[in-house]
Amino acid sequence: MLSGYPEIKRVGLVNDEKKVDGRAEAVLVRIPEDLMQGLDALRRAETHPPTRPEMIRRILQAWIAQTPPKA
């Protein structure tokens, strides 16, 4: 959990043990069509369009960097 951000409840089949092979945890997210269209437009604007998961990672990293947690 990020300090200062609300905890998100994890549901479903979850293995809380850390992965030993170094892989990141997979997250399934349903995205409405309008957001998917916006995501794809952002991807197409790149010189070398990233995959959808990579673009989502980039957006999230930028948002976290620009949005300091509340103390």
PDB file of N, CA and C in Angstrom:
ATOM      1  N   MET A   1       0.844  -1.193   0.000  1.00  0.00           N
ATOM      2  CA  MET A   1       0.000   0.000   0.000  1.00  0.00           C
ATOM      3  C   MET A   1       0.878   1.242   0.000  1.00  0.00           C
ATOM      4  N   LEU A   2       0.485   2.233  -0.766  1.00  0.00           N
ATOM      5  CA  LEU A   2       1.203   3.494  -0.792  1.00  0.00           C
ATOM      6  C   LEU A   2       0.789   4.320   0.412  1.00  0.00           C
ATOM      7  N   SER A   3       1.760   4.855   1.095  1.00  0.00           N
ATOM      8  CA  SER A   3       1.477   5.652   2.278  1.00  0.00           C
ATOM      9  C   SER A   3       0.620   6.859   1.904  1.00  0.00           C
ATOM     10  N   GLY A   4      -0.452   7.059   2.607  1.00  0.00           N
ATOM     11  CA  GLY A   4      -1.324   8.201   2.357  1.00  0.00           C
ATOM     12  C   GLY A   4      -2.458   7.907   1.391  1.00  0.00           C
ATOM     13  N   TYR A   5      -2.432   6.752   0.721  1.00  0.00           N
ATOM     14  CA  TYR A   5      -3.491   6.388  -0.203  1.00  0.00           C
ATOM     15  C   TYR A   5      -4.386   5.357   0.469  1.00  0.00           C
ATOM     16  N   PRO A   6      -5.673   5.365   0.150  1.00  0.00           N
ATOM     17  CA  PRO A   6      -6.562   4.395   0.788  1.00  0.00           C
ATOM     18  C   PRO A   6      -6.204   2.972   0.354  1.00  0.00           C
ATOM     19  N   GLU A   7      -6.412   2.023   1.255  1.00  0.00           N
ATOM     20  CA  GLU A   7      -6.146   0.630   0.932  1.00  0.00           C
ATOM     21  C   GLU A   7      -7.251   0.113   0.028  1.00  0.00           C
ATOM     22  N   ILE A   8      -6.885  -0.663  -0.965  1.00  0.00           N
ATOM     23  CA  ILE A   8      -7.850  -1.234  -1.890  1.00  0.00           C
ATOM     24  C   ILE A   8      -8.069  -2.678  -1.489  1.00  0.00           C
ATOM     25  N   LYS A   9      -9.314  -3.047  -1.338  1.00  0.00           N
ATOM     26  CA  LYS A   9      -9.642  -4.411  -0.932  1.00  0.00           C
ATOM     27  C   LYS A   9      -9.373  -5.357  -2.094  1.00  0.00           C
ATOM     28  N   ARG A  10      -8.628  -6.396  -1.829  1.00  0.00           N
ATOM     29  CA  ARG A  10      -8.328  -7.406  -2.832  1.00  0.00           C
ATOM     30  C   ARG A  10      -9.329  -8.534  -2.666  1.00  0.00           C
ATOM     31  N   VAL A  11      -9.964  -8.921  -3.752  1.00  0.00           N
ATOM     32  CA  VAL A  11     -10.964  -9.975  -3.699  1.00  0.00           C
ATOM     33  C   VAL A  11     -10.606 -11.074  -4.682  1.00  0.00           C
ATOM     34  N   GLY A  12     -11.250 -12.208  -4.543  1.00  0.00           N
ATOM     35  CA  GLY A  12     -11.015 -13.312  -5.456  1.00  0.00           C
ATOM     36  C   GLY A  12      -9.867 -14.174  -4.971  1.00  0.00           C
ATOM     37  N   LEU A  13      -9.326 -14.962  -5.873  1.00  0.00           N
ATOM     38  CA  LEU A  13      -8.210 -15.831  -5.532  1.00  0.00           C
ATOM     39  C   LEU A  13      -6.937 -15.009  -5.505  1.00  0.00           C
ATOM     40  N   VAL A  14      -6.371 -14.865  -4.334  1.00  0.00           N
ATOM     41  CA  VAL A  14      -5.174 -14.039  -4.181  1.00  0.00           C
ATOM     42  C   VAL A  14      -4.121 -14.837  -3.433  1.00  0.00           C
ATOM     43  N   ASN A  15      -2.922 -14.867  -3.974  1.00  0.00           N
ATOM     44  CA  ASN A  15      -1.808 -15.501  -3.294  1.00  0.00           C
ATOM     45  C   ASN A  15      -0.975 -14.389  -2.698  1.00  0.00           C
ATOM     46  N   ASP A  16      -0.974 -14.265  -1.364  1.00  0.00           N
ATOM     47  CA  ASP A  16      -0.273 -13.172  -0.712  1.00  0.00           C
ATOM     48  C   ASP A  16       1.230 -13.403  -0.592  1.00  0.00           C
ATOM     49  N   GLU A  17       1.705 -14.578  -0.980  1.00  0.00           N
ATOM     50  CA  GLU A  17       3.140 -14.818  -0.935  1.00  0.00           C
ATOM     51  C   GLU A  17       3.809 -14.035  -2.060  1.00  0.00           C
ATOM     52  N   LYS A  18       5.021 -13.517  -1.774  1.00  0.00           N
ATOM     53  CA  LYS A  18       5.751 -12.768  -2.795  1.00  0.00           C
ATOM     54  C   LYS A  18       6.231 -13.725  -3.877  1.00  0.00           C
ATOM     55  N   LYS A  19       6.239 -13.255  -5.098  1.00  0.00           N
ATOM     56  CA  LYS A  19       6.726 -14.060  -6.205  1.00  0.00           C
ATOM     57  C   LYS A  19       8.241 -14.179  -6.086  1.00  0.00           C
ATOM     58  N   VAL A  20       8.740 -15.375  -6.247  1.00  0.00           N
ATOM     59  CA  VAL A  20      10.180 -15.585  -6.112  1.00  0.00           C
ATOM     60  C   VAL A  20      10.912 -15.405  -7.434  1.00  0.00           C
ATOM     61  N   ASP A  21      10.175 -15.318  -8.533  1.00  0.00           N
ATOM     62  CA  ASP A  21      10.834 -15.183  -9.830  1.00  0.00           C
ATOM     63  C   ASP A  21      10.976 -13.729 -10.279  1.00  0.00           C
ATOM     64  N   GLY A  22      10.587 -12.780  -9.430  1.00  0.00           N
ATOM     65  CA  GLY A  22      10.770 -11.370  -9.754  1.00  0.00           C
ATOM     66  C   GLY A  22       9.660 -10.747 -10.580  1.00  0.00           C
ATOM     67  N   ARG A  23       8.687 -11.528 -10.986  1.00  0.00           N
ATOM     68  CA  ARG A  23       7.591 -10.967 -11.782  1.00  0.00           C
ATOM     69  C   ARG A  23       6.686 -10.098 -10.931  1.00  0.00           C
ATOM     70  N   ALA A  24       6.091  -9.102 -11.583  1.00  0.00           N
ATOM     71  CA  ALA A  24       5.132  -8.232 -10.895  1.00  0.00           C
ATOM     72  C   ALA A  24       3.806  -8.971 -10.743  1.00  0.00           C
ATOM     73  N   GLU A  25       2.993  -8.515  -9.818  1.00  0.00           N
ATOM     74  CA  GLU A  25       1.679  -9.112  -9.607  1.00  0.00           C
ATOM     75  C   GLU A  25       0.737  -8.696 -10.728  1.00  0.00           C
ATOM     76  N   ALA A  26      -0.008  -9.639 -11.242  1.00  0.00           N
ATOM     77  CA  ALA A  26      -0.978  -9.354 -12.296  1.00  0.00           C
ATOM     78  C   ALA A  26      -2.236  -8.747 -11.685  1.00  0.00           C
ATOM     79  N   VAL A  27      -2.837  -7.790 -12.405  1.00  0.00           N
ATOM     80  CA  VAL A  27      -4.062  -7.130 -11.961  1.00  0.00           C
ATOM     81  C   VAL A  27      -5.041  -7.119 -13.133  1.00  0.00           C
ATOM     82  N   LEU A  28      -6.242  -7.594 -12.903  1.00  0.00           N
ATOM     83  CA  LEU A  28      -7.275  -7.581 -13.934  1.00  0.00           C
ATOM     84  C   LEU A  28      -8.168  -6.373 -13.699  1.00  0.00           C
ATOM     85  N   VAL A  29      -8.284  -5.518 -14.715  1.00  0.00           N
ATOM     86  CA  VAL A  29      -9.101  -4.312 -14.604  1.00  0.00           C
ATOM     87  C   VAL A  29     -10.018  -4.238 -15.818  1.00  0.00           C
ATOM     88  N   ARG A  30     -11.287  -4.030 -15.573  1.00  0.00           N
ATOM     89  CA  ARG A  30     -12.229  -3.829 -16.683  1.00  0.00           C
ATOM     90  C   ARG A  30     -12.263  -2.335 -16.974  1.00  0.00           C
ATOM     91  N   ILE A  31     -12.093  -1.978 -18.245  1.00  0.00           N
ATOM     92  CA  ILE A  31     -12.028  -0.573 -18.633  1.00  0.00           C
ATOM     93  C   ILE A  31     -13.167  -0.271 -19.600  1.00  0.00           C
ATOM     94  N   PRO A  32     -13.994   0.741 -19.281  1.00  0.00           N
ATOM     95  CA  PRO A  32     -15.098   1.107 -20.175  1.00  0.00           C
ATOM     96  C   PRO A  32     -14.576   1.527 -21.555  1.00  0.00           C
ATOM     97  N   GLU A  33     -15.425   1.375 -22.549  1.00  0.00           N
ATOM     98  CA  GLU A  33     -15.044   1.642 -23.939  1.00  0.00           C
ATOM     99  C   GLU A  33     -14.482   3.046 -24.140  1.00  0.00           C
ATOM    100  N   ASP A  34     -15.079   4.064 -23.503  1.00  0.00           N
ATOM    101  CA  ASP A  34     -14.598   5.430 -23.706  1.00  0.00           C
ATOM    102  C   ASP A  34     -13.173   5.608 -23.163  1.00  0.00           C
ATOM    103  N   LEU A  35     -12.874   4.977 -22.031  1.00  0.00           N
ATOM    104  CA  LEU A  35     -11.517   5.056 -21.499  1.00  0.00           C
ATOM    105  C   LEU A  35     -10.541   4.267 -22.372  1.00  0.00           C
ATOM    106  N   MET A  36     -10.991   3.138 -22.911  1.00  0.00           N
ATOM    107  CA  MET A  36     -10.138   2.338 -23.791  1.00  0.00           C
ATOM    108  C   MET A  36      -9.801   3.113 -25.062  1.00  0.00           C
ATOM    109  N   GLN A  37     -10.769   3.848 -25.585  1.00  0.00           N
ATOM    110  CA  GLN A  37     -10.519   4.661 -26.776  1.00  0.00           C
ATOM    111  C   GLN A  37      -9.500   5.750 -26.467  1.00  0.00           C
ATOM    112  N   GLY A  38      -9.618   6.379 -25.291  1.00  0.00           N
ATOM    113  CA  GLY A  38      -8.649   7.391 -24.892  1.00  0.00           C
ATOM    114  C   GLY A  38      -7.263   6.790 -24.711  1.00  0.00           C
ATOM    115  N   LEU A  39      -7.198   5.604 -24.102  1.00  0.00           N
ATOM    116  CA  LEU A  39      -5.926   4.917 -23.912  1.00  0.00           C
ATOM    117  C   LEU A  39      -5.279   4.606 -25.257  1.00  0.00           C
ATOM    118  N   ASP A  40      -6.069   4.091 -26.188  1.00  0.00           N
ATOM    119  CA  ASP A  40      -5.539   3.766 -27.517  1.00  0.00           C
ATOM    120  C   ASP A  40      -5.089   5.015 -28.269  1.00  0.00           C
ATOM    121  N   ALA A  41      -5.793   6.131 -28.082  1.00  0.00           N
ATOM    122  CA  ALA A  41      -5.380   7.383 -28.727  1.00  0.00           C
ATOM    123  C   ALA A  41      -4.027   7.837 -28.181  1.00  0.00           C
ATOM    124  N   LEU A  42      -3.837   7.722 -26.864  1.00  0.00           N
ATOM    125  CA  LEU A  42      -2.543   8.066 -26.265  1.00  0.00           C
ATOM    126  C   LEU A  42      -1.436   7.163 -26.790  1.00  0.00           C
ATOM    127  N   ARG A  43      -1.729   5.883 -26.929  1.00  0.00           N
ATOM    128  CA  ARG A  43      -0.739   4.936 -27.439  1.00  0.00           C
ATOM    129  C   ARG A  43      -0.329   5.297 -28.869  1.00  0.00           C
ATOM    130  N   ARG A  44      -1.329   5.610 -29.704  1.00  0.00           N
ATOM    131  CA  ARG A  44      -1.041   5.934 -31.103  1.00  0.00           C
ATOM    132  C   ARG A  44      -0.230   7.220 -31.242  1.00  0.00           C
ATOM    133  N   ALA A  45      -0.302   8.099 -30.255  1.00  0.00           N
ATOM    134  CA  ALA A  45       0.437   9.363 -30.303  1.00  0.00           C
ATOM    135  C   ALA A  45       1.932   9.149 -30.060  1.00  0.00           C
ATOM    136  N   GLU A  46       2.318   7.983 -29.539  1.00  0.00           N
ATOM    137  CA  GLU A  46       3.721   7.675 -29.276  1.00  0.00           C
ATOM    138  C   GLU A  46       4.432   7.291 -30.579  1.00  0.00           C
ATOM    139  N   THR A  47       5.728   7.602 -30.659  1.00  0.00           N
ATOM    140  CA  THR A  47       6.525   7.222 -31.838  1.00  0.00           C
ATOM    141  C   THR A  47       6.525   5.710 -32.018  1.00  0.00           C
ATOM    142  N   HIS A  48       6.744   4.987 -30.940  1.00  0.00           N
ATOM    143  CA  HIS A  48       6.688   3.521 -30.933  1.00  0.00           C
ATOM    144  C   HIS A  48       5.586   3.128 -29.952  1.00  0.00           C
ATOM    145  N   PRO A  49       4.349   2.959 -30.449  1.00  0.00           N
ATOM    146  CA  PRO A  49       3.209   2.708 -29.554  1.00  0.00           C
ATOM    147  C   PRO A  49       3.452   1.520 -28.613  1.00  0.00           C
ATOM    148  N   PRO A  50       3.313   1.764 -27.315  1.00  0.00           N
ATOM    149  CA  PRO A  50       3.462   0.684 -26.344  1.00  0.00           C
ATOM    150  C   PRO A  50       2.207  -0.191 -26.309  1.00  0.00           C
ATOM    151  N   THR A  51       2.318  -1.322 -25.663  1.00  0.00           N
ATOM    152  CA  THR A  51       1.149  -2.167 -25.462  1.00  0.00           C
ATOM    153  C   THR A  51       0.192  -1.458 -24.499  1.00  0.00           C
ATOM    154  N   ARG A  52      -1.033  -1.928 -24.437  1.00  0.00           N
ATOM    155  CA  ARG A  52      -1.985  -1.336 -23.484  1.00  0.00           C
ATOM    156  C   ARG A  52      -1.478  -1.451 -22.054  1.00  0.00           C
ATOM    157  N   PRO A  53      -1.006  -2.635 -21.625  1.00  0.00           N
ATOM    158  CA  PRO A  53      -0.515  -2.723 -20.246  1.00  0.00           C
ATOM    159  C   PRO A  53       0.652  -1.760 -19.977  1.00  0.00           C
ATOM    160  N   GLU A  54       1.566  -1.617 -20.930  1.00  0.00           N
ATOM    161  CA  GLU A  54       2.697  -0.700 -20.728  1.00  0.00           C
ATOM    162  C   GLU A  54       2.213   0.739 -20.646  1.00  0.00           C
ATOM    163  N   MET A  55       1.238   1.123 -21.474  1.00  0.00           N
ATOM    164  CA  MET A  55       0.723   2.486 -21.422  1.00  0.00           C
ATOM    165  C   MET A  55       0.036   2.745 -20.082  1.00  0.00           C
ATOM    166  N   ILE A  56      -0.694   1.764 -19.582  1.00  0.00           N
ATOM    167  CA  ILE A  56      -1.347   1.911 -18.279  1.00  0.00           C
ATOM    168  C   ILE A  56      -0.292   2.078 -17.191  1.00  0.00           C
ATOM    169  N   ARG A  57       0.806   1.290 -17.250  1.00  0.00           N
ATOM    170  CA  ARG A  57       1.886   1.444 -16.275  1.00  0.00           C
ATOM    171  C   ARG A  57       2.471   2.845 -16.330  1.00  0.00           C
ATOM    172  N   ARG A  58       2.705   3.363 -17.532  1.00  0.00           N
ATOM    173  CA  ARG A  58       3.276   4.718 -17.685  1.00  0.00           C
ATOM    174  C   ARG A  58       2.349   5.783 -17.099  1.00  0.00           C
ATOM    175  N   ILE A  59       1.066   5.671 -17.392  1.00  0.00           N
ATOM    176  CA  ILE A  59       0.088   6.635 -16.875  1.00  0.00           C
ATOM    177  C   ILE A  59       0.072   6.581 -15.349  1.00  0.00           C
ATOM    178  N   LEU A  60       0.061   5.374 -14.806  1.00  0.00           N
ATOM    179  CA  LEU A  60       0.037   5.224 -13.352  1.00  0.00           C
ATOM    180  C   LEU A  60       1.302   5.786 -12.705  1.00  0.00           C
ATOM    181  N   GLN A  61       2.457   5.503 -13.283  1.00  0.00           N
ATOM    182  CA  GLN A  61       3.717   6.024 -12.748  1.00  0.00           C
ATOM    183  C   GLN A  61       3.721   7.550 -12.769  1.00  0.00           C
ATOM    184  N   ALA A  62       3.243   8.153 -13.860  1.00  0.00           N
ATOM    185  CA  ALA A  62       3.197   9.615 -13.961  1.00  0.00           C
ATOM    186  C   ALA A  62       2.230  10.191 -12.928  1.00  0.00           C
ATOM    187  N   TRP A  63       1.073   9.556 -12.752  1.00  0.00           N
ATOM    188  CA  TRP A  63       0.092  10.050 -11.788  1.00  0.00           C
ATOM    189  C   TRP A  63       0.642   9.978 -10.367  1.00  0.00           C
ATOM    190  N   ILE A  64       1.266   8.868 -10.023  1.00  0.00           N
ATOM    191  CA  ILE A  64       1.832   8.713  -8.679  1.00  0.00           C
ATOM    192  C   ILE A  64       2.928   9.746  -8.446  1.00  0.00           C
ATOM    193  N   ALA A  65       3.765   9.990  -9.456  1.00  0.00           N
ATOM    194  CA  ALA A  65       4.836  10.975  -9.323  1.00  0.00           C
ATOM    195  C   ALA A  65       4.299  12.402  -9.137  1.00  0.00           C
ATOM    196  N   GLN A  66       3.151  12.699  -9.737  1.00  0.00           N
ATOM    197  CA  GLN A  66       2.585  14.050  -9.682  1.00  0.00           C
ATOM    198  C   GLN A  66       1.583  14.231  -8.554  1.00  0.00           C
ATOM    199  N   THR A  67       1.200  13.161  -7.884  1.00  0.00           N
ATOM    200  CA  THR A  67       0.175  13.226  -6.854  1.00  0.00           C
ATOM    201  C   THR A  67       0.760  12.752  -5.536  1.00  0.00           C
ATOM    202  N   PRO A  68       1.336  13.678  -4.768  1.00  0.00           N
ATOM    203  CA  PRO A  68       1.923  13.269  -3.491  1.00  0.00           C
ATOM    204  C   PRO A  68       0.847  12.748  -2.541  1.00  0.00           C
ATOM    205  N   PRO A  69       1.172  11.706  -1.784  1.00  0.00           N
ATOM    206  CA  PRO A  69       0.186  11.180  -0.833  1.00  0.00           C
ATOM    207  C   PRO A  69      -0.112  12.179   0.262  1.00  0.00           C
ATOM    208  N   LYS A  70      -1.333  12.139   0.763  1.00  0.00           N
ATOM    209  CA  LYS A  70      -1.729  13.018   1.856  1.00  0.00           C
ATOM    210  C   LYS A  70      -1.175  12.466   3.155  1.00  0.00           C
ATOM    211  N   ALA A  71      -0.562  13.329   3.928  1.00  0.00           N
ATOM    212  CA  ALA A  71       0.053  12.883   5.204  1.00  0.00           C
ATOM    213  C   ALA A  71      -0.972  12.650   6.262  1.00  0.00           C
TER     214      ALA A  71
END
